Amino acid sequence: MLQGAPLVHRVGGRAGWELRLVVQGGLRILDRIEALQHNTLQTRPTLRRRDLALMLWRAGWMSAGRM
């Protein structure tokens, strides 16, 4: 995810924002998997409403070039 993240600066407009949110969603899921101690066979990692606010905030930081 982190290796591909710089691609968001090459894509403009709505597609760029969608790509930023895809990257942030993937990173957030990875955070959840780590919190589950990688035990994804017993518990499925999920995102909640509050995760969307965090993802939007982080996507905004990405658009400002702060990744």
PDB file of N, CA and C in Angstrom:
ATOM      1  N   MET A   1       0.825  -1.185   0.000  1.00  0.00           N
ATOM      2  CA  MET A   1       0.000   0.000   0.000  1.00  0.00           C
ATOM      3  C   MET A   1       0.868   1.247   0.000  1.00  0.00           C
ATOM      4  N   LEU A   2       1.844   1.277   0.850  1.00  0.00           N
ATOM      5  CA  LEU A   2       2.678   2.471   0.942  1.00  0.00           C
ATOM      6  C   LEU A   2       3.525   2.681  -0.307  1.00  0.00           C
ATOM      7  N   GLN A   3       3.943   1.602  -0.943  1.00  0.00           N
ATOM      8  CA  GLN A   3       4.742   1.745  -2.160  1.00  0.00           C
ATOM      9  C   GLN A   3       3.908   2.317  -3.306  1.00  0.00           C
ATOM     10  N   GLY A   4       2.651   1.985  -3.360  1.00  0.00           N
ATOM     11  CA  GLY A   4       1.783   2.471  -4.418  1.00  0.00           C
ATOM     12  C   GLY A   4       1.146   3.817  -4.118  1.00  0.00           C
ATOM     13  N   ALA A   5       1.227   4.272  -2.868  1.00  0.00           N
ATOM     14  CA  ALA A   5       0.573   5.518  -2.462  1.00  0.00           C
ATOM     15  C   ALA A   5       1.009   6.743  -3.269  1.00  0.00           C
ATOM     16  N   PRO A   6       2.271   6.879  -3.660  1.00  0.00           N
ATOM     17  CA  PRO A   6       2.644   8.072  -4.444  1.00  0.00           C
ATOM     18  C   PRO A   6       1.893   8.203  -5.767  1.00  0.00           C
ATOM     19  N   LEU A   7       1.278   7.154  -6.240  1.00  0.00           N
ATOM     20  CA  LEU A   7       0.498   7.219  -7.470  1.00  0.00           C
ATOM     21  C   LEU A   7      -0.649   8.225  -7.362  1.00  0.00           C
ATOM     22  N   VAL A   8      -1.142   8.455  -6.160  1.00  0.00           N
ATOM     23  CA  VAL A   8      -2.271   9.376  -5.998  1.00  0.00           C
ATOM     24  C   VAL A   8      -1.930  10.787  -6.459  1.00  0.00           C
ATOM     25  N   HIS A   9      -0.659  11.143  -6.477  1.00  0.00           N
ATOM     26  CA  HIS A   9      -0.250  12.485  -6.898  1.00  0.00           C
ATOM     27  C   HIS A   9      -0.190  12.617  -8.418  1.00  0.00           C
ATOM     28  N   ARG A  10      -0.304  11.509  -9.114  1.00  0.00           N
ATOM     29  CA  ARG A  10      -0.290  11.524 -10.578  1.00  0.00           C
ATOM     30  C   ARG A  10      -1.688  11.507 -11.180  1.00  0.00           C
ATOM     31  N   VAL A  11      -2.672  11.212 -10.361  1.00  0.00           N
ATOM     32  CA  VAL A  11      -4.054  11.127 -10.840  1.00  0.00           C
ATOM     33  C   VAL A  11      -4.811  12.322 -10.278  1.00  0.00           C
ATOM     34  N   GLY A  12      -5.428  13.083 -11.151  1.00  0.00           N
ATOM     35  CA  GLY A  12      -6.134  14.276 -10.707  1.00  0.00           C
ATOM     36  C   GLY A  12      -7.631  14.078 -10.611  1.00  0.00           C
ATOM     37  N   GLY A  13      -8.281  15.099 -10.126  1.00  0.00           N
ATOM     38  CA  GLY A  13      -9.745  15.125 -10.079  1.00  0.00           C
ATOM     39  C   GLY A  13     -10.366  14.100  -9.158  1.00  0.00           C
ATOM     40  N   ARG A  14     -11.568  13.718  -9.517  1.00  0.00           N
ATOM     41  CA  ARG A  14     -12.330  12.770  -8.699  1.00  0.00           C
ATOM     42  C   ARG A  14     -11.627  11.419  -8.593  1.00  0.00           C
ATOM     43  N   ALA A  15     -11.026  10.976  -9.683  1.00  0.00           N
ATOM     44  CA  ALA A  15     -10.323   9.688  -9.657  1.00  0.00           C
ATOM     45  C   ALA A  15      -9.178   9.717  -8.650  1.00  0.00           C
ATOM     46  N   GLY A  16      -8.515  10.849  -8.552  1.00  0.00           N
ATOM     47  CA  GLY A  16      -7.442  10.984  -7.570  1.00  0.00           C
ATOM     48  C   GLY A  16      -7.943  10.853  -6.146  1.00  0.00           C
ATOM     49  N   TRP A  17      -9.094  11.499  -5.870  1.00  0.00           N
ATOM     50  CA  TRP A  17      -9.683  11.388  -4.538  1.00  0.00           C
ATOM     51  C   TRP A  17     -10.147   9.964  -4.246  1.00  0.00           C
ATOM     52  N   GLU A  18     -10.730   9.318  -5.245  1.00  0.00           N
ATOM     53  CA  GLU A  18     -11.159   7.932  -5.045  1.00  0.00           C
ATOM     54  C   GLU A  18      -9.960   7.040  -4.765  1.00  0.00           C
ATOM     55  N   LEU A  19      -8.874   7.277  -5.477  1.00  0.00           N
ATOM     56  CA  LEU A  19      -7.666   6.490  -5.250  1.00  0.00           C
ATOM     57  C   LEU A  19      -7.098   6.755  -3.856  1.00  0.00           C
ATOM     58  N   ARG A  20      -7.131   8.004  -3.410  1.00  0.00           N
ATOM     59  CA  ARG A  20      -6.674   8.323  -2.052  1.00  0.00           C
ATOM     60  C   ARG A  20      -7.493   7.558  -1.014  1.00  0.00           C
ATOM     61  N   LEU A  21      -8.805   7.506  -1.222  1.00  0.00           N
ATOM     62  CA  LEU A  21      -9.665   6.797  -0.273  1.00  0.00           C
ATOM     63  C   LEU A  21      -9.451   5.287  -0.330  1.00  0.00           C
ATOM     64  N   VAL A  22      -9.162   4.737  -1.505  1.00  0.00           N
ATOM     65  CA  VAL A  22      -8.849   3.311  -1.609  1.00  0.00           C
ATOM     66  C   VAL A  22      -7.579   3.004  -0.812  1.00  0.00           C
ATOM     67  N   VAL A  23      -6.565   3.852  -0.982  1.00  0.00           N
ATOM     68  CA  VAL A  23      -5.309   3.655  -0.248  1.00  0.00           C
ATOM     69  C   VAL A  23      -5.569   3.767   1.249  1.00  0.00           C
ATOM     70  N   GLN A  24      -6.294   4.796   1.661  1.00  0.00           N
ATOM     71  CA  GLN A  24      -6.551   4.977   3.089  1.00  0.00           C
ATOM     72  C   GLN A  24      -7.424   3.860   3.661  1.00  0.00           C
ATOM     73  N   GLY A  25      -8.374   3.375   2.875  1.00  0.00           N
ATOM     74  CA  GLY A  25      -9.189   2.242   3.326  1.00  0.00           C
ATOM     75  C   GLY A  25      -8.347   0.988   3.508  1.00  0.00           C
ATOM     76  N   GLY A  26      -7.448   0.744   2.584  1.00  0.00           N
ATOM     77  CA  GLY A  26      -6.552  -0.406   2.696  1.00  0.00           C
ATOM     78  C   GLY A  26      -5.647  -0.293   3.904  1.00  0.00           C
ATOM     79  N   LEU A  27      -5.102   0.903   4.143  1.00  0.00           N
ATOM     80  CA  LEU A  27      -4.232   1.101   5.307  1.00  0.00           C
ATOM     81  C   LEU A  27      -5.022   0.939   6.607  1.00  0.00           C
ATOM     82  N   ARG A  28      -6.258   1.400   6.605  1.00  0.00           N
ATOM     83  CA  ARG A  28      -7.090   1.264   7.814  1.00  0.00           C
ATOM     84  C   ARG A  28      -7.422  -0.203   8.088  1.00  0.00           C
ATOM     85  N   ILE A  29      -7.707  -0.954   7.040  1.00  0.00           N
ATOM     86  CA  ILE A  29      -7.952  -2.395   7.217  1.00  0.00           C
ATOM     87  C   ILE A  29      -6.693  -3.073   7.756  1.00  0.00           C
ATOM     88  N   LEU A  30      -5.536  -2.684   7.243  1.00  0.00           N
ATOM     89  CA  LEU A  30      -4.283  -3.256   7.757  1.00  0.00           C
ATOM     90  C   LEU A  30      -4.093  -2.923   9.236  1.00  0.00           C
ATOM     91  N   ASP A  31      -4.498  -1.717   9.647  1.00  0.00           N
ATOM     92  CA  ASP A  31      -4.458  -1.362  11.076  1.00  0.00           C
ATOM     93  C   ASP A  31      -5.359  -2.289  11.880  1.00  0.00           C
ATOM     94  N   ARG A  32      -6.549  -2.552  11.350  1.00  0.00           N
ATOM     95  CA  ARG A  32      -7.494  -3.448  12.041  1.00  0.00           C
ATOM     96  C   ARG A  32      -6.936  -4.873  12.145  1.00  0.00           C
ATOM     97  N   ILE A  33      -6.324  -5.335  11.072  1.00  0.00           N
ATOM     98  CA  ILE A  33      -5.734  -6.688  11.084  1.00  0.00           C
ATOM     99  C   ILE A  33      -4.638  -6.766  12.136  1.00  0.00           C
ATOM    100  N   GLU A  34      -3.822  -5.730  12.220  1.00  0.00           N
ATOM    101  CA  GLU A  34      -2.770  -5.708  13.236  1.00  0.00           C
ATOM    102  C   GLU A  34      -3.375  -5.703  14.642  1.00  0.00           C
ATOM    103  N   ALA A  35      -4.451  -4.933  14.842  1.00  0.00           N
ATOM    104  CA  ALA A  35      -5.116  -4.891  16.147  1.00  0.00           C
ATOM    105  C   ALA A  35      -5.686  -6.252  16.536  1.00  0.00           C
ATOM    106  N   LEU A  36      -6.073  -7.048  15.527  1.00  0.00           N
ATOM    107  CA  LEU A  36      -6.583  -8.401  15.779  1.00  0.00           C
ATOM    108  C   LEU A  36      -5.446  -9.407  15.939  1.00  0.00           C
ATOM    109  N   GLN A  37      -4.222  -8.922  15.938  1.00  0.00           N
ATOM    110  CA  GLN A  37      -3.028  -9.765  16.012  1.00  0.00           C
ATOM    111  C   GLN A  37      -3.021 -10.780  14.869  1.00  0.00           C
ATOM    112  N   HIS A  38      -3.463 -10.324  13.713  1.00  0.00           N
ATOM    113  CA  HIS A  38      -3.463 -11.107  12.472  1.00  0.00           C
ATOM    114  C   HIS A  38      -4.348 -12.354  12.531  1.00  0.00           C
ATOM    115  N   ASN A  39      -5.272 -12.394  13.472  1.00  0.00           N
ATOM    116  CA  ASN A  39      -6.173 -13.530  13.638  1.00  0.00           C
ATOM    117  C   ASN A  39      -7.441 -13.306  12.811  1.00  0.00           C
ATOM    118  N   THR A  40      -7.283 -13.239  11.507  1.00  0.00           N
ATOM    119  CA  THR A  40      -8.423 -12.945  10.638  1.00  0.00           C
ATOM    120  C   THR A  40      -9.271 -14.170  10.319  1.00  0.00           C
ATOM    121  N   LEU A  41      -8.800 -15.333  10.697  1.00  0.00           N
ATOM    122  CA  LEU A  41      -9.629 -16.524  10.491  1.00  0.00           C
ATOM    123  C   LEU A  41     -10.750 -16.604  11.525  1.00  0.00           C
ATOM    124  N   GLN A  42     -10.543 -15.992  12.685  1.00  0.00           N
ATOM    125  CA  GLN A  42     -11.545 -16.016  13.745  1.00  0.00           C
ATOM    126  C   GLN A  42     -12.446 -14.781  13.709  1.00  0.00           C
ATOM    127  N   THR A  43     -11.865 -13.645  13.334  1.00  0.00           N
ATOM    128  CA  THR A  43     -12.602 -12.389  13.343  1.00  0.00           C
ATOM    129  C   THR A  43     -12.312 -11.622  12.066  1.00  0.00           C
ATOM    130  N   ARG A  44     -13.357 -11.159  11.414  1.00  0.00           N
ATOM    131  CA  ARG A  44     -13.182 -10.399  10.177  1.00  0.00           C
ATOM    132  C   ARG A  44     -12.954  -8.927  10.511  1.00  0.00           C
ATOM    133  N   PRO A  45     -11.899  -8.333   9.967  1.00  0.00           N
ATOM    134  CA  PRO A  45     -11.688  -6.902  10.210  1.00  0.00           C
ATOM    135  C   PRO A  45     -12.724  -6.079   9.447  1.00  0.00           C
ATOM    136  N   THR A  46     -13.294  -5.096  10.103  1.00  0.00           N
ATOM    137  CA  THR A  46     -14.319  -4.266   9.476  1.00  0.00           C
ATOM    138  C   THR A  46     -14.019  -2.794   9.747  1.00  0.00           C
ATOM    139  N   LEU A  47     -14.576  -1.959   8.897  1.00  0.00           N
ATOM    140  CA  LEU A  47     -14.482  -0.521   9.098  1.00  0.00           C
ATOM    141  C   LEU A  47     -15.824  -0.012   9.585  1.00  0.00           C
ATOM    142  N   ARG A  48     -15.772   1.025  10.398  1.00  0.00           N
ATOM    143  CA  ARG A  48     -16.988   1.629  10.947  1.00  0.00           C
ATOM    144  C   ARG A  48     -17.127   3.065  10.425  1.00  0.00           C
ATOM    145  N   ARG A  49     -18.217   3.707  10.781  1.00  0.00           N
ATOM    146  CA  ARG A  49     -18.459   5.089  10.349  1.00  0.00           C
ATOM    147  C   ARG A  49     -17.331   6.023  10.759  1.00  0.00           C
ATOM    148  N   ARG A  50     -16.852   5.869  11.968  1.00  0.00           N
ATOM    149  CA  ARG A  50     -15.796   6.768  12.446  1.00  0.00           C
ATOM    150  C   ARG A  50     -14.507   6.589  11.644  1.00  0.00           C
ATOM    151  N   ASP A  51     -14.319   5.416  11.060  1.00  0.00           N
ATOM    152  CA  ASP A  51     -13.151   5.200  10.213  1.00  0.00           C
ATOM    153  C   ASP A  51     -13.217   6.066   8.955  1.00  0.00           C
ATOM    154  N   LEU A  52     -14.414   6.329   8.447  1.00  0.00           N
ATOM    155  CA  LEU A  52     -14.567   7.150   7.253  1.00  0.00           C
ATOM    156  C   LEU A  52     -14.041   8.563   7.501  1.00  0.00           C
ATOM    157  N   ALA A  53     -14.346   9.127   8.664  1.00  0.00           N
ATOM    158  CA  ALA A  53     -13.850  10.465   8.992  1.00  0.00           C
ATOM    159  C   ALA A  53     -12.325  10.483   9.015  1.00  0.00           C
ATOM    160  N   LEU A  54     -11.727   9.483   9.609  1.00  0.00           N
ATOM    161  CA  LEU A  54     -10.269   9.393   9.667  1.00  0.00           C
ATOM    162  C   LEU A  54      -9.686   9.222   8.266  1.00  0.00           C
ATOM    163  N   MET A  55     -10.307   8.394   7.455  1.00  0.00           N
ATOM    164  CA  MET A  55      -9.832   8.170   6.094  1.00  0.00           C
ATOM    165  C   MET A  55      -9.921   9.457   5.265  1.00  0.00           C
ATOM    166  N   LEU A  56     -11.003  10.209   5.418  1.00  0.00           N
ATOM    167  CA  LEU A  56     -11.147  11.473   4.700  1.00  0.00           C
ATOM    168  C   LEU A  56     -10.075  12.474   5.132  1.00  0.00           C
ATOM    169  N   TRP A  57      -9.819  12.540   6.433  1.00  0.00           N
ATOM    170  CA  TRP A  57      -8.800  13.445   6.959  1.00  0.00           C
ATOM    171  C   TRP A  57      -7.423  13.063   6.415  1.00  0.00           C
ATOM    172  N   ARG A  58      -7.108  11.789   6.441  1.00  0.00           N
ATOM    173  CA  ARG A  58      -5.818  11.335   5.930  1.00  0.00           C
ATOM    174  C   ARG A  58      -5.709  11.525   4.422  1.00  0.00           C
ATOM    175  N   ALA A  59      -6.805  11.355   3.696  1.00  0.00           N
ATOM    176  CA  ALA A  59      -6.801  11.591   2.251  1.00  0.00           C
ATOM    177  C   ALA A  59      -6.525  13.061   1.968  1.00  0.00           C
ATOM    178  N   GLY A  60      -7.052  13.945   2.810  1.00  0.00           N
ATOM    179  CA  GLY A  60      -6.770  15.365   2.673  1.00  0.00           C
ATOM    180  C   GLY A  60      -5.297  15.669   2.861  1.00  0.00           C
ATOM    181  N   TRP A  61      -4.678  14.998   3.821  1.00  0.00           N
ATOM    182  CA  TRP A  61      -3.233  15.170   4.034  1.00  0.00           C
ATOM    183  C   TRP A  61      -2.459  14.661   2.832  1.00  0.00           C
ATOM    184  N   MET A  62      -2.939  13.575   2.227  1.00  0.00           N
ATOM    185  CA  MET A  62      -2.261  13.045   1.041  1.00  0.00           C
ATOM    186  C   MET A  62      -2.322  14.054  -0.092  1.00  0.00           C
ATOM    187  N   SER A  63      -3.451  14.728  -0.250  1.00  0.00           N
ATOM    188  CA  SER A  63      -3.590  15.662  -1.369  1.00  0.00           C
ATOM    189  C   SER A  63      -2.695  16.878  -1.161  1.00  0.00           C
ATOM    190  N   ALA A  64      -2.340  17.158   0.085  1.00  0.00           N
ATOM    191  CA  ALA A  64      -1.455  18.277   0.374  1.00  0.00           C
ATOM    192  C   ALA A  64       0.009  17.859   0.263  1.00  0.00           C
ATOM    193  N   GLY A  65       0.249  16.600  -0.107  1.00  0.00           N
ATOM    194  CA  GLY A  65       1.616  16.119  -0.275  1.00  0.00           C
ATOM    195  C   GLY A  65       2.274  15.644   0.997  1.00  0.00           C
ATOM    196  N   ARG A  66       1.488  15.443   2.037  1.00  0.00           N
ATOM    197  CA  ARG A  66       2.048  14.992   3.333  1.00  0.00           C
ATOM    198  C   ARG A  66       1.700  13.546   3.566  1.00  0.00           C
ATOM    199  N   MET A  67       2.437  12.649   3.016  1.00  0.00           N
ATOM    200  CA  MET A  67       2.151  11.214   3.193  1.00  0.00           C
ATOM    201  C   MET A  67       3.290  10.567   3.900  1.00  0.00           C
TER     202      MET A  67
END
